[in-house]
PDB file of all heavy atoms in Angstrom:
ATOM      1  N   SER A   1       0.431  -4.922  -7.162  1.00  0.00           N
ATOM      2  CA  SER A   1      -0.906  -4.336  -7.020  1.00  0.00           C
ATOM      3  C   SER A   1      -0.877  -3.153  -6.068  1.00  0.00           C
ATOM      4  O   SER A   1       0.033  -3.013  -5.256  1.00  0.00           O
ATOM      5  CB  SER A   1      -1.905  -5.384  -6.519  1.00  0.00           C
ATOM      6  OG  SER A   1      -1.620  -5.754  -5.184  1.00  0.00           O
ATOM      7  N   SER A   2      -1.882  -2.316  -6.209  1.00  0.00           N
ATOM      8  CA  SER A   2      -2.062  -1.174  -5.314  1.00  0.00           C
ATOM      9  C   SER A   2      -3.547  -0.833  -5.275  1.00  0.00           C
ATOM     10  O   SER A   2      -4.291  -1.153  -6.209  1.00  0.00           O
ATOM     11  CB  SER A   2      -1.241   0.020  -5.787  1.00  0.00           C
ATOM     12  OG  SER A   2      -1.648   0.409  -7.081  1.00  0.00           O
ATOM     13  N   TRP A   3      -3.954  -0.193  -4.206  1.00  0.00           N
ATOM     14  CA  TRP A   3      -5.345   0.202  -4.077  1.00  0.00           C
ATOM     15  C   TRP A   3      -5.584   1.537  -4.776  1.00  0.00           C
ATOM     16  O   TRP A   3      -4.734   2.416  -4.770  1.00  0.00           O
ATOM     17  CB  TRP A   3      -5.735   0.318  -2.603  1.00  0.00           C
ATOM     18  CG  TRP A   3      -5.857  -1.015  -1.947  1.00  0.00           C
ATOM     19  CD1 TRP A   3      -4.937  -1.621  -1.148  1.00  0.00           C
ATOM     20  CD2 TRP A   3      -6.945  -1.920  -2.065  1.00  0.00           C
ATOM     21  NE1 TRP A   3      -5.387  -2.853  -0.755  1.00  0.00           N
ATOM     22  CE2 TRP A   3      -6.621  -3.069  -1.297  1.00  0.00           C
ATOM     23  CE3 TRP A   3      -8.154  -1.905  -2.744  1.00  0.00           C
ATOM     24  CZ2 TRP A   3      -7.467  -4.160  -1.190  1.00  0.00           C
ATOM     25  CZ3 TRP A   3      -9.011  -2.993  -2.630  1.00  0.00           C
ATOM     26  CH2 TRP A   3      -8.669  -4.099  -1.861  1.00  0.00           C
ATOM     27  N   GLY A   4      -6.756   1.634  -5.376  1.00  0.00           N
ATOM     28  CA  GLY A   4      -7.147   2.871  -6.037  1.00  0.00           C
ATOM     29  C   GLY A   4      -8.660   2.966  -6.085  1.00  0.00           C
ATOM     30  O   GLY A   4      -9.367   2.136  -5.500  1.00  0.00           O
ATOM     31  N   GLU A   5      -9.146   3.947  -6.806  1.00  0.00           N
ATOM     32  CA  GLU A   5     -10.584   4.154  -6.937  1.00  0.00           C
ATOM     33  C   GLU A   5     -11.016   3.800  -8.353  1.00  0.00           C
ATOM     34  O   GLU A   5     -10.404   4.235  -9.326  1.00  0.00           O
ATOM     35  CB  GLU A   5     -10.919   5.615  -6.633  1.00  0.00           C
ATOM     36  CG  GLU A   5     -12.399   5.873  -6.505  1.00  0.00           C
ATOM     37  CD  GLU A   5     -12.672   7.295  -6.050  1.00  0.00           C
ATOM     38  OE1 GLU A   5     -12.444   7.594  -4.873  1.00  0.00           O
ATOM     39  OE2 GLU A   5     -13.115   8.092  -6.902  1.00  0.00           O
ATOM     40  N   SER A   6     -12.067   2.983  -8.463  1.00  0.00           N
ATOM     41  CA  SER A   6     -12.564   2.569  -9.777  1.00  0.00           C
ATOM     42  C   SER A   6     -13.400   3.680 -10.398  1.00  0.00           C
ATOM     43  O   SER A   6     -13.673   4.703  -9.758  1.00  0.00           O
ATOM     44  CB  SER A   6     -13.397   1.294  -9.652  1.00  0.00           C
ATOM     45  OG  SER A   6     -14.608   1.569  -8.976  1.00  0.00           O
ATOM     46  N   GLU A   7     -13.822   3.450 -11.637  1.00  0.00           N
ATOM     47  CA  GLU A   7     -14.617   4.450 -12.351  1.00  0.00           C
ATOM     48  C   GLU A   7     -15.951   4.734 -11.677  1.00  0.00           C
ATOM     49  O   GLU A   7     -16.521   5.805 -11.845  1.00  0.00           O
ATOM     50  CB  GLU A   7     -14.827   4.052 -13.821  1.00  0.00           C
ATOM     51  CG  GLU A   7     -15.407   2.684 -14.050  1.00  0.00           C
ATOM     52  CD  GLU A   7     -14.385   1.549 -14.015  1.00  0.00           C
ATOM     53  OE1 GLU A   7     -13.180   1.802 -13.904  1.00  0.00           O
ATOM     54  OE2 GLU A   7     -14.820   0.395 -14.073  1.00  0.00           O
ATOM     55  N   ASN A   8     -16.443   3.792 -10.859  1.00  0.00           N
ATOM     56  CA  ASN A   8     -17.707   4.041 -10.144  1.00  0.00           C
ATOM     57  C   ASN A   8     -17.448   4.454  -8.683  1.00  0.00           C
ATOM     58  O   ASN A   8     -18.298   4.293  -7.831  1.00  0.00           O
ATOM     59  CB  ASN A   8     -18.638   2.834 -10.226  1.00  0.00           C
ATOM     60  CG  ASN A   8     -18.043   1.595  -9.618  1.00  0.00           C
ATOM     61  OD1 ASN A   8     -16.942   1.624  -9.091  1.00  0.00           O
ATOM     62  ND2 ASN A   8     -18.775   0.499  -9.686  1.00  0.00           N
ATOM     63  N   ARG A   9     -16.241   4.969  -8.450  1.00  0.00           N
ATOM     64  CA  ARG A   9     -15.837   5.537  -7.163  1.00  0.00           C
ATOM     65  C   ARG A   9     -15.790   4.517  -6.018  1.00  0.00           C
ATOM     66  O   ARG A   9     -15.976   4.864  -4.863  1.00  0.00           O
ATOM     67  CB  ARG A   9     -16.714   6.718  -6.774  1.00  0.00           C
ATOM     68  CG  ARG A   9     -16.638   7.860  -7.760  1.00  0.00           C
ATOM     69  CD  ARG A   9     -17.366   9.071  -7.219  1.00  0.00           C
ATOM     70  NE  ARG A   9     -17.341  10.154  -8.178  1.00  0.00           N
ATOM     71  CZ  ARG A   9     -16.409  11.081  -8.223  1.00  0.00           C
ATOM     72  NH1 ARG A   9     -15.417  11.056  -7.379  1.00  0.00           N
ATOM     73  NH2 ARG A   9     -16.457  12.043  -9.115  1.00  0.00           N
ATOM     74  N   ARG A  10     -15.549   3.275  -6.365  1.00  0.00           N
ATOM     75  CA  ARG A  10     -15.371   2.237  -5.347  1.00  0.00           C
ATOM     76  C   ARG A  10     -13.893   1.930  -5.212  1.00  0.00           C
ATOM     77  O   ARG A  10     -13.133   2.047  -6.171  1.00  0.00           O
ATOM     78  CB  ARG A  10     -16.120   0.974  -5.732  1.00  0.00           C
ATOM     79  CG  ARG A  10     -17.608   1.162  -5.708  1.00  0.00           C
ATOM     80  CD  ARG A  10     -18.260  -0.143  -5.971  1.00  0.00           C
ATOM     81  NE  ARG A  10     -19.460  -0.207  -5.158  1.00  0.00           N
ATOM     82  CZ  ARG A  10     -20.192  -1.270  -5.031  1.00  0.00           C
ATOM     83  NH1 ARG A  10     -19.868  -2.379  -5.642  1.00  0.00           N
ATOM     84  NH2 ARG A  10     -21.265  -1.262  -4.281  1.00  0.00           N
ATOM     85  N   ARG A  11     -13.527   1.494  -4.046  1.00  0.00           N
ATOM     86  CA  ARG A  11     -12.142   1.091  -3.800  1.00  0.00           C
ATOM     87  C   ARG A  11     -11.880  -0.204  -4.564  1.00  0.00           C
ATOM     88  O   ARG A  11     -12.673  -1.146  -4.502  1.00  0.00           O
ATOM     89  CB  ARG A  11     -11.956   0.884  -2.304  1.00  0.00           C
ATOM     90  CG  ARG A  11     -10.543   0.690  -1.893  1.00  0.00           C
ATOM     91  CD  ARG A  11     -10.479   0.627  -0.382  1.00  0.00           C
ATOM     92  NE  ARG A  11      -9.436  -0.279  -0.002  1.00  0.00           N
ATOM     93  CZ  ARG A  11      -8.436   0.049   0.775  1.00  0.00           C
ATOM     94  NH1 ARG A  11      -8.369   1.249   1.280  1.00  0.00           N
ATOM     95  NH2 ARG A  11      -7.507  -0.825   1.076  1.00  0.00           N
ATOM     96  N   ALA A  12     -10.791  -0.240  -5.304  1.00  0.00           N
ATOM     97  CA  ALA A  12     -10.465  -1.412  -6.120  1.00  0.00           C
ATOM     98  C   ALA A  12      -8.955  -1.642  -6.104  1.00  0.00           C
ATOM     99  O   ALA A  12      -8.177  -0.696  -5.983  1.00  0.00           O
ATOM    100  CB  ALA A  12     -10.946  -1.216  -7.559  1.00  0.00           C
ATOM    101  N   ARG A  13      -8.590  -2.889  -6.244  1.00  0.00           N
ATOM    102  CA  ARG A  13      -7.169  -3.248  -6.314  1.00  0.00           C
ATOM    103  C   ARG A  13      -6.762  -3.250  -7.788  1.00  0.00           C
ATOM    104  O   ARG A  13      -7.398  -3.903  -8.612  1.00  0.00           O
ATOM    105  CB  ARG A  13      -6.943  -4.608  -5.679  1.00  0.00           C
ATOM    106  CG  ARG A  13      -5.499  -4.906  -5.477  1.00  0.00           C
ATOM    107  CD  ARG A  13      -5.324  -6.043  -4.451  1.00  0.00           C
ATOM    108  NE  ARG A  13      -4.015  -5.936  -3.883  1.00  0.00           N
ATOM    109  CZ  ARG A  13      -3.728  -5.442  -2.696  1.00  0.00           C
ATOM    110  NH1 ARG A  13      -4.701  -5.039  -1.919  1.00  0.00           N
ATOM    111  NH2 ARG A  13      -2.498  -5.368  -2.273  1.00  0.00           N
ATOM    112  N   TYR A  14      -5.721  -2.502  -8.106  1.00  0.00           N
ATOM    113  CA  TYR A  14      -5.218  -2.391  -9.475  1.00  0.00           C
ATOM    114  C   TYR A  14      -3.946  -3.218  -9.620  1.00  0.00           C
ATOM    115  O   TYR A  14      -3.096  -3.227  -8.727  1.00  0.00           O
ATOM    116  CB  TYR A  14      -4.945  -0.927  -9.830  1.00  0.00           C
ATOM    117  CG  TYR A  14      -6.213  -0.178 -10.132  1.00  0.00           C
ATOM    118  CD1 TYR A  14      -7.014   0.310  -9.113  1.00  0.00           C
ATOM    119  CD2 TYR A  14      -6.624   0.008 -11.445  1.00  0.00           C
ATOM    120  CE1 TYR A  14      -8.193   0.988  -9.386  1.00  0.00           C
ATOM    121  CE2 TYR A  14      -7.797   0.686 -11.737  1.00  0.00           C
ATOM    122  CZ  TYR A  14      -8.575   1.165 -10.705  1.00  0.00           C
ATOM    123  OH  TYR A  14      -9.742   1.828 -10.994  1.00  0.00           O
ATOM    124  N   TYR A  15      -3.829  -3.891 -10.771  1.00  0.00           N
ATOM    125  CA  TYR A  15      -2.703  -4.793 -11.032  1.00  0.00           C
ATOM    126  C   TYR A  15      -1.912  -4.295 -12.231  1.00  0.00           C
ATOM    127  O   TYR A  15      -2.471  -3.756 -13.177  1.00  0.00           O
ATOM    128  CB  TYR A  15      -3.223  -6.205 -11.314  1.00  0.00           C
ATOM    129  CG  TYR A  15      -3.947  -6.789 -10.139  1.00  0.00           C
ATOM    130  CD1 TYR A  15      -5.315  -6.592  -9.985  1.00  0.00           C
ATOM    131  CD2 TYR A  15      -3.269  -7.511  -9.167  1.00  0.00           C
ATOM    132  CE1 TYR A  15      -5.986  -7.108  -8.885  1.00  0.00           C
ATOM    133  CE2 TYR A  15      -3.933  -8.031  -8.068  1.00  0.00           C
ATOM    134  CZ  TYR A  15      -5.288  -7.826  -7.932  1.00  0.00           C
ATOM    135  OH  TYR A  15      -5.954  -8.339  -6.844  1.00  0.00           O
ATOM    136  N   GLN A  16      -0.590  -4.520 -12.169  1.00  0.00           N
ATOM    137  CA  GLN A  16       0.266  -4.198 -13.305  1.00  0.00           C
ATOM    138  C   GLN A  16       1.391  -5.223 -13.384  1.00  0.00           C
ATOM    139  O   GLN A  16       1.762  -5.845 -12.384  1.00  0.00           O
ATOM    140  CB  GLN A  16       0.811  -2.787 -13.219  1.00  0.00           C
ATOM    141  CG  GLN A  16       1.786  -2.564 -12.081  1.00  0.00           C
ATOM    142  CD  GLN A  16       2.223  -1.112 -12.024  1.00  0.00           C
ATOM    143  OE1 GLN A  16       1.553  -0.297 -11.412  1.00  0.00           O
ATOM    144  NE2 GLN A  16       3.347  -0.803 -12.628  1.00  0.00           N
ATOM    145  N   LEU A  17       1.918  -5.405 -14.585  1.00  0.00           N
ATOM    146  CA  LEU A  17       3.025  -6.330 -14.801  1.00  0.00           C
ATOM    147  C   LEU A  17       4.304  -5.786 -14.188  1.00  0.00           C
ATOM    148  O   LEU A  17       4.559  -4.580 -14.250  1.00  0.00           O
ATOM    149  CB  LEU A  17       3.289  -6.517 -16.297  1.00  0.00           C
ATOM    150  CG  LEU A  17       2.386  -7.426 -17.089  1.00  0.00           C
ATOM    151  CD1 LEU A  17       2.836  -7.455 -18.546  1.00  0.00           C
ATOM    152  CD2 LEU A  17       2.364  -8.821 -16.519  1.00  0.00           C
ATOM    153  N   THR A  18       5.101  -6.674 -13.640  1.00  0.00           N
ATOM    154  CA  THR A  18       6.453  -6.329 -13.220  1.00  0.00           C
ATOM    155  C   THR A  18       7.390  -6.680 -14.379  1.00  0.00           C
ATOM    156  O   THR A  18       6.959  -7.288 -15.367  1.00  0.00           O
ATOM    157  CB  THR A  18       6.861  -7.138 -11.983  1.00  0.00           C
ATOM    158  OG1 THR A  18       6.854  -8.526 -12.329  1.00  0.00           O
ATOM    159  CG2 THR A  18       5.936  -6.874 -10.802  1.00  0.00           C
ATOM    160  N   ALA A  19       8.658  -6.330 -14.252  1.00  0.00           N
ATOM    161  CA  ALA A  19       9.641  -6.711 -15.282  1.00  0.00           C
ATOM    162  C   ALA A  19       9.712  -8.225 -15.393  1.00  0.00           C
ATOM    163  O   ALA A  19       9.789  -8.783 -16.491  1.00  0.00           O
ATOM    164  CB  ALA A  19      11.010  -6.125 -14.949  1.00  0.00           C
ATOM    165  N   SER A  20       9.625  -8.901 -14.265  1.00  0.00           N
ATOM    166  CA  SER A  20       9.628 -10.366 -14.255  1.00  0.00           C
ATOM    167  C   SER A  20       8.385 -10.913 -14.971  1.00  0.00           C
ATOM    168  O   SER A  20       8.448 -11.901 -15.708  1.00  0.00           O
ATOM    169  CB  SER A  20       9.680 -10.873 -12.811  1.00  0.00           C
ATOM    170  OG  SER A  20       9.638 -12.266 -12.765  1.00  0.00           O
ATOM    171  N   GLY A  21       7.255 -10.266 -14.755  1.00  0.00           N
ATOM    172  CA  GLY A  21       6.017 -10.663 -15.426  1.00  0.00           C
ATOM    173  C   GLY A  21       6.092 -10.459 -16.925  1.00  0.00           C
ATOM    174  O   GLY A  21       5.574 -11.258 -17.701  1.00  0.00           O
ATOM    175  N   GLN A  22       6.756  -9.396 -17.322  1.00  0.00           N
ATOM    176  CA  GLN A  22       6.946  -9.112 -18.747  1.00  0.00           C
ATOM    177  C   GLN A  22       7.776 -10.217 -19.398  1.00  0.00           C
ATOM    178  O   GLN A  22       7.462 -10.688 -20.483  1.00  0.00           O
ATOM    179  CB  GLN A  22       7.624  -7.744 -18.906  1.00  0.00           C
ATOM    180  CG  GLN A  22       7.677  -7.242 -20.302  1.00  0.00           C
ATOM    181  CD  GLN A  22       6.339  -6.719 -20.782  1.00  0.00           C
ATOM    182  OE1 GLN A  22       5.292  -7.040 -20.260  1.00  0.00           O
ATOM    183  NE2 GLN A  22       6.356  -5.923 -21.802  1.00  0.00           N
ATOM    184  N   ARG A  23       8.851 -10.615 -18.717  1.00  0.00           N
ATOM    185  CA  ARG A  23       9.697 -11.707 -19.240  1.00  0.00           C
ATOM    186  C   ARG A  23       8.918 -13.011 -19.291  1.00  0.00           C
ATOM    187  O   ARG A  23       9.016 -13.766 -20.260  1.00  0.00           O
ATOM    188  CB  ARG A  23      10.957 -11.862 -18.385  1.00  0.00           C
ATOM    189  CG  ARG A  23      11.953 -10.732 -18.561  1.00  0.00           C
ATOM    190  CD  ARG A  23      13.275 -11.014 -17.866  1.00  0.00           C
ATOM    191  NE  ARG A  23      13.153 -11.183 -16.427  1.00  0.00           N
ATOM    192  CZ  ARG A  23      13.177 -10.193 -15.542  1.00  0.00           C
ATOM    193  NH1 ARG A  23      13.312  -8.938 -15.960  1.00  0.00           N
ATOM    194  NH2 ARG A  23      13.069 -10.436 -14.258  1.00  0.00           N
ATOM    195  N   ARG A  24       8.119 -13.263 -18.260  1.00  0.00           N
ATOM    196  CA  ARG A  24       7.303 -14.485 -18.237  1.00  0.00           C
ATOM    197  C   ARG A  24       6.304 -14.478 -19.389  1.00  0.00           C
ATOM    198  O   ARG A  24       6.086 -15.501 -20.042  1.00  0.00           O
ATOM    199  CB  ARG A  24       6.582 -14.604 -16.895  1.00  0.00           C
ATOM    200  CG  ARG A  24       5.779 -15.849 -16.730  1.00  0.00           C
ATOM    201  CD  ARG A  24       6.678 -17.060 -16.751  1.00  0.00           C
ATOM    202  NE  ARG A  24       5.891 -18.264 -16.594  1.00  0.00           N
ATOM    203  CZ  ARG A  24       6.410 -19.426 -16.307  1.00  0.00           C
ATOM    204  NH1 ARG A  24       7.703 -19.555 -16.151  1.00  0.00           N
ATOM    205  NH2 ARG A  24       5.639 -20.474 -16.186  1.00  0.00           N
ATOM    206  N   LEU A  25       5.686 -13.344 -19.653  1.00  0.00           N
ATOM    207  CA  LEU A  25       4.745 -13.217 -20.758  1.00  0.00           C
ATOM    208  C   LEU A  25       5.430 -13.548 -22.078  1.00  0.00           C
ATOM    209  O   LEU A  25       4.875 -14.284 -22.903  1.00  0.00           O
ATOM    210  CB  LEU A  25       4.152 -11.810 -20.800  1.00  0.00           C
ATOM    211  CG  LEU A  25       3.265 -11.477 -22.001  1.00  0.00           C
ATOM    212  CD1 LEU A  25       2.067 -12.424 -22.091  1.00  0.00           C
ATOM    213  CD2 LEU A  25       2.814 -10.026 -21.934  1.00  0.00           C
ATOM    214  N   GLN A  26       6.625 -13.039 -22.287  1.00  0.00           N
ATOM    215  CA  GLN A  26       7.364 -13.330 -23.525  1.00  0.00           C
ATOM    216  C   GLN A  26       7.619 -14.823 -23.673  1.00  0.00           C
ATOM    217  O   GLN A  26       7.395 -15.399 -24.740  1.00  0.00           O
ATOM    218  CB  GLN A  26       8.697 -12.589 -23.542  1.00  0.00           C
ATOM    219  CG  GLN A  26       8.612 -11.183 -24.043  1.00  0.00           C
ATOM    220  CD  GLN A  26      10.009 -10.601 -24.169  1.00  0.00           C
ATOM    221  OE1 GLN A  26      10.765 -10.537 -23.194  1.00  0.00           O
ATOM    222  NE2 GLN A  26      10.349 -10.169 -25.363  1.00  0.00           N
ATOM    223  N   ARG A  27       8.124 -15.453 -22.610  1.00  0.00           N
ATOM    224  CA  ARG A  27       8.418 -16.891 -22.661  1.00  0.00           C
ATOM    225  C   ARG A  27       7.167 -17.712 -22.912  1.00  0.00           C
ATOM    226  O   ARG A  27       7.165 -18.621 -23.748  1.00  0.00           O
ATOM    227  CB  ARG A  27       9.093 -17.353 -21.367  1.00  0.00           C
ATOM    228  CG  ARG A  27      10.545 -16.950 -21.263  1.00  0.00           C
ATOM    229  CD  ARG A  27      11.259 -17.668 -20.131  1.00  0.00           C
ATOM    230  NE  ARG A  27      10.645 -17.478 -18.832  1.00  0.00           N
ATOM    231  CZ  ARG A  27      10.935 -16.498 -17.976  1.00  0.00           C
ATOM    232  NH1 ARG A  27      11.846 -15.605 -18.282  1.00  0.00           N
ATOM    233  NH2 ARG A  27      10.332 -16.418 -16.813  1.00  0.00           N
ATOM    234  N   GLU A  28       6.098 -17.415 -22.186  1.00  0.00           N
ATOM    235  CA  GLU A  28       4.848 -18.165 -22.334  1.00  0.00           C
ATOM    236  C   GLU A  28       4.233 -17.966 -23.718  1.00  0.00           C
ATOM    237  O   GLU A  28       3.680 -18.897 -24.293  1.00  0.00           O
ATOM    238  CB  GLU A  28       3.842 -17.757 -21.250  1.00  0.00           C
ATOM    239  CG  GLU A  28       4.213 -18.227 -19.866  1.00  0.00           C
ATOM    240  CD  GLU A  28       4.169 -19.736 -19.735  1.00  0.00           C
ATOM    241  OE1 GLU A  28       3.232 -20.370 -20.256  1.00  0.00           O
ATOM    242  OE2 GLU A  28       5.077 -20.292 -19.107  1.00  0.00           O
ATOM    243  N   THR A  29       4.324 -16.756 -24.239  1.00  0.00           N
ATOM    244  CA  THR A  29       3.790 -16.474 -25.579  1.00  0.00           C
ATOM    245  C   THR A  29       4.502 -17.324 -26.621  1.00  0.00           C
ATOM    246  O   THR A  29       3.853 -17.944 -27.478  1.00  0.00           O
ATOM    247  CB  THR A  29       3.918 -14.975 -25.911  1.00  0.00           C
ATOM    248  OG1 THR A  29       3.151 -14.230 -24.963  1.00  0.00           O
ATOM    249  CG2 THR A  29       3.424 -14.676 -27.310  1.00  0.00           C
ATOM    250  N   GLU A  30       5.812 -17.368 -26.555  1.00  0.00           N
ATOM    251  CA  GLU A  30       6.579 -18.177 -27.509  1.00  0.00           C
ATOM    252  C   GLU A  30       6.236 -19.657 -27.390  1.00  0.00           C
ATOM    253  O   GLU A  30       6.080 -20.351 -28.392  1.00  0.00           O
ATOM    254  CB  GLU A  30       8.084 -17.955 -27.328  1.00  0.00           C
ATOM    255  CG  GLU A  30       8.544 -16.577 -27.759  1.00  0.00           C
ATOM    256  CD  GLU A  30       8.129 -16.239 -29.190  1.00  0.00           C
ATOM    257  OE1 GLU A  30       8.323 -17.083 -30.095  1.00  0.00           O
ATOM    258  OE2 GLU A  30       7.609 -15.135 -29.402  1.00  0.00           O
ATOM    259  N   GLU A  31       6.103 -20.136 -26.168  1.00  0.00           N
ATOM    260  CA  GLU A  31       5.750 -21.553 -25.950  1.00  0.00           C
ATOM    261  C   GLU A  31       4.364 -21.868 -26.506  1.00  0.00           C
ATOM    262  O   GLU A  31       4.166 -22.881 -27.166  1.00  0.00           O
ATOM    263  CB  GLU A  31       5.835 -21.886 -24.461  1.00  0.00           C
ATOM    264  CG  GLU A  31       5.531 -23.321 -24.134  1.00  0.00           C
ATOM    265  CD  GLU A  31       6.553 -24.315 -24.687  1.00  0.00           C
ATOM    266  OE1 GLU A  31       7.659 -23.914 -25.081  1.00  0.00           O
ATOM    267  OE2 GLU A  31       6.223 -25.509 -24.738  1.00  0.00           O
ATOM    268  N   TRP A  32       3.384 -20.995 -26.245  1.00  0.00           N
ATOM    269  CA  TRP A  32       2.026 -21.233 -26.745  1.00  0.00           C
ATOM    270  C   TRP A  32       1.963 -21.151 -28.267  1.00  0.00           C
ATOM    271  O   TRP A  32       1.201 -21.878 -28.897  1.00  0.00           O
ATOM    272  CB  TRP A  32       1.027 -20.282 -26.094  1.00  0.00           C
ATOM    273  CG  TRP A  32       0.545 -20.841 -24.788  1.00  0.00           C
ATOM    274  CD1 TRP A  32       0.965 -20.506 -23.544  1.00  0.00           C
ATOM    275  CD2 TRP A  32      -0.424 -21.874 -24.616  1.00  0.00           C
ATOM    276  NE1 TRP A  32       0.319 -21.261 -22.608  1.00  0.00           N
ATOM    277  CE2 TRP A  32      -0.541 -22.102 -23.236  1.00  0.00           C
ATOM    278  CE3 TRP A  32      -1.201 -22.620 -25.492  1.00  0.00           C
ATOM    279  CZ2 TRP A  32      -1.413 -23.051 -22.702  1.00  0.00           C
ATOM    280  CZ3 TRP A  32      -2.070 -23.570 -24.965  1.00  0.00           C
ATOM    281  CH2 TRP A  32      -2.166 -23.781 -23.590  1.00  0.00           C
ATOM    282  N   LYS A  33       2.750 -20.275 -28.868  1.00  0.00           N
ATOM    283  CA  LYS A  33       2.792 -20.214 -30.331  1.00  0.00           C
ATOM    284  C   LYS A  33       3.311 -21.530 -30.903  1.00  0.00           C
ATOM    285  O   LYS A  33       2.789 -22.038 -31.896  1.00  0.00           O
ATOM    286  CB  LYS A  33       3.667 -19.045 -30.802  1.00  0.00           C
ATOM    287  CG  LYS A  33       3.019 -17.696 -30.644  1.00  0.00           C
ATOM    288  CD  LYS A  33       3.947 -16.600 -31.123  1.00  0.00           C
ATOM    289  CE  LYS A  33       3.313 -15.238 -30.976  1.00  0.00           C
ATOM    290  NZ  LYS A  33       4.221 -14.157 -31.415  1.00  0.00           N
ATOM    291  N   ARG A  34       4.344 -22.085 -30.252  1.00  0.00           N
ATOM    292  CA  ARG A  34       4.912 -23.356 -30.686  1.00  0.00           C
ATOM    293  C   ARG A  34       3.880 -24.477 -30.542  1.00  0.00           C
ATOM    294  O   ARG A  34       3.691 -25.287 -31.453  1.00  0.00           O
ATOM    295  CB  ARG A  34       6.166 -23.670 -29.856  1.00  0.00           C
ATOM    296  CG  ARG A  34       6.988 -24.824 -30.365  1.00  0.00           C
ATOM    297  CD  ARG A  34       8.210 -25.077 -29.492  1.00  0.00           C
ATOM    298  NE  ARG A  34       7.892 -25.537 -28.153  1.00  0.00           N
ATOM    299  CZ  ARG A  34       7.416 -26.748 -27.856  1.00  0.00           C
ATOM    300  NH1 ARG A  34       7.203 -27.618 -28.798  1.00  0.00           N
ATOM    301  NH2 ARG A  34       7.161 -27.083 -26.612  1.00  0.00           N
ATOM    302  N   ILE A  35       3.160 -24.504 -29.418  1.00  0.00           N
ATOM    303  CA  ILE A  35       2.134 -25.521 -29.175  1.00  0.00           C
ATOM    304  C   ILE A  35       0.993 -25.375 -30.177  1.00  0.00           C
ATOM    305  O   ILE A  35       0.522 -26.364 -30.745  1.00  0.00           O
ATOM    306  CB  ILE A  35       1.610 -25.421 -27.729  1.00  0.00           C
ATOM    307  CG1 ILE A  35       2.706 -25.859 -26.749  1.00  0.00           C
ATOM    308  CG2 ILE A  35       0.342 -26.243 -27.544  1.00  0.00           C
ATOM    309  CD1 ILE A  35       2.408 -25.523 -25.300  1.00  0.00           C
ATOM    310  N   ALA A  36       0.543 -24.145 -30.408  1.00  0.00           N
ATOM    311  CA  ALA A  36      -0.564 -23.908 -31.339  1.00  0.00           C
ATOM    312  C   ALA A  36      -0.199 -24.346 -32.749  1.00  0.00           C
ATOM    313  O   ALA A  36      -1.022 -24.951 -33.455  1.00  0.00           O
ATOM    314  CB  ALA A  36      -0.963 -22.439 -31.323  1.00  0.00           C
ATOM    315  N   LEU A  37       1.030 -24.078 -33.181  1.00  0.00           N
ATOM    316  CA  LEU A  37       1.484 -24.488 -34.506  1.00  0.00           C
ATOM    317  C   LEU A  37       1.514 -26.013 -34.611  1.00  0.00           C
ATOM    318  O   LEU A  37       1.067 -26.579 -35.610  1.00  0.00           O
ATOM    319  CB  LEU A  37       2.858 -23.898 -34.806  1.00  0.00           C
ATOM    320  CG  LEU A  37       3.444 -24.208 -36.183  1.00  0.00           C
ATOM    321  CD1 LEU A  37       2.516 -23.733 -37.294  1.00  0.00           C
ATOM    322  CD2 LEU A  37       4.822 -23.562 -36.313  1.00  0.00           C
ATOM    323  N   ALA A  38       2.004 -26.672 -33.566  1.00  0.00           N
ATOM    324  CA  ALA A  38       2.046 -28.127 -33.570  1.00  0.00           C
ATOM    325  C   ALA A  38       0.635 -28.726 -33.628  1.00  0.00           C
ATOM    326  O   ALA A  38       0.385 -29.689 -34.376  1.00  0.00           O
ATOM    327  CB  ALA A  38       2.788 -28.643 -32.334  1.00  0.00           C
ATOM    328  N   MET A  39      -0.287 -28.143 -32.886  1.00  0.00           N
ATOM    329  CA  MET A  39      -1.688 -28.626 -32.903  1.00  0.00           C
ATOM    330  C   MET A  39      -2.322 -28.383 -34.269  1.00  0.00           C
ATOM    331  O   MET A  39      -3.052 -29.231 -34.791  1.00  0.00           O
ATOM    332  CB  MET A  39      -2.506 -27.942 -31.810  1.00  0.00           C
ATOM    333  CG  MET A  39      -2.152 -28.419 -30.413  1.00  0.00           C
ATOM    334  SD  MET A  39      -2.418 -30.200 -30.195  1.00  0.00           S
ATOM    335  CE  MET A  39      -4.167 -30.321 -30.405  1.00  0.00           C
ATOM    336  N   GLN A  40      -2.029 -27.228 -34.856  1.00  0.00           N
ATOM    337  CA  GLN A  40      -2.571 -26.904 -36.172  1.00  0.00           C
ATOM    338  C   GLN A  40      -2.083 -27.937 -37.195  1.00  0.00           C
ATOM    339  O   GLN A  40      -2.857 -28.425 -38.005  1.00  0.00           O
ATOM    340  CB  GLN A  40      -2.141 -25.505 -36.579  1.00  0.00           C
ATOM    341  CG  GLN A  40      -2.724 -25.041 -37.883  1.00  0.00           C
ATOM    342  CD  GLN A  40      -2.286 -23.618 -38.209  1.00  0.00           C
ATOM    343  OE1 GLN A  40      -1.325 -23.089 -37.636  1.00  0.00           O
ATOM    344  NE2 GLN A  40      -2.987 -22.994 -39.134  1.00  0.00           N
TER     345      GLN A  40
END
């Protein structure tokens, strides 16, 4: 995260994925797809 200015000119904390977060997203997505298919 880092501080920046929002569209209404207020100070806001901005968030972005890290490389580790990207890998976590991939793993979690695959797991949830497997769970959703099993539930279906």
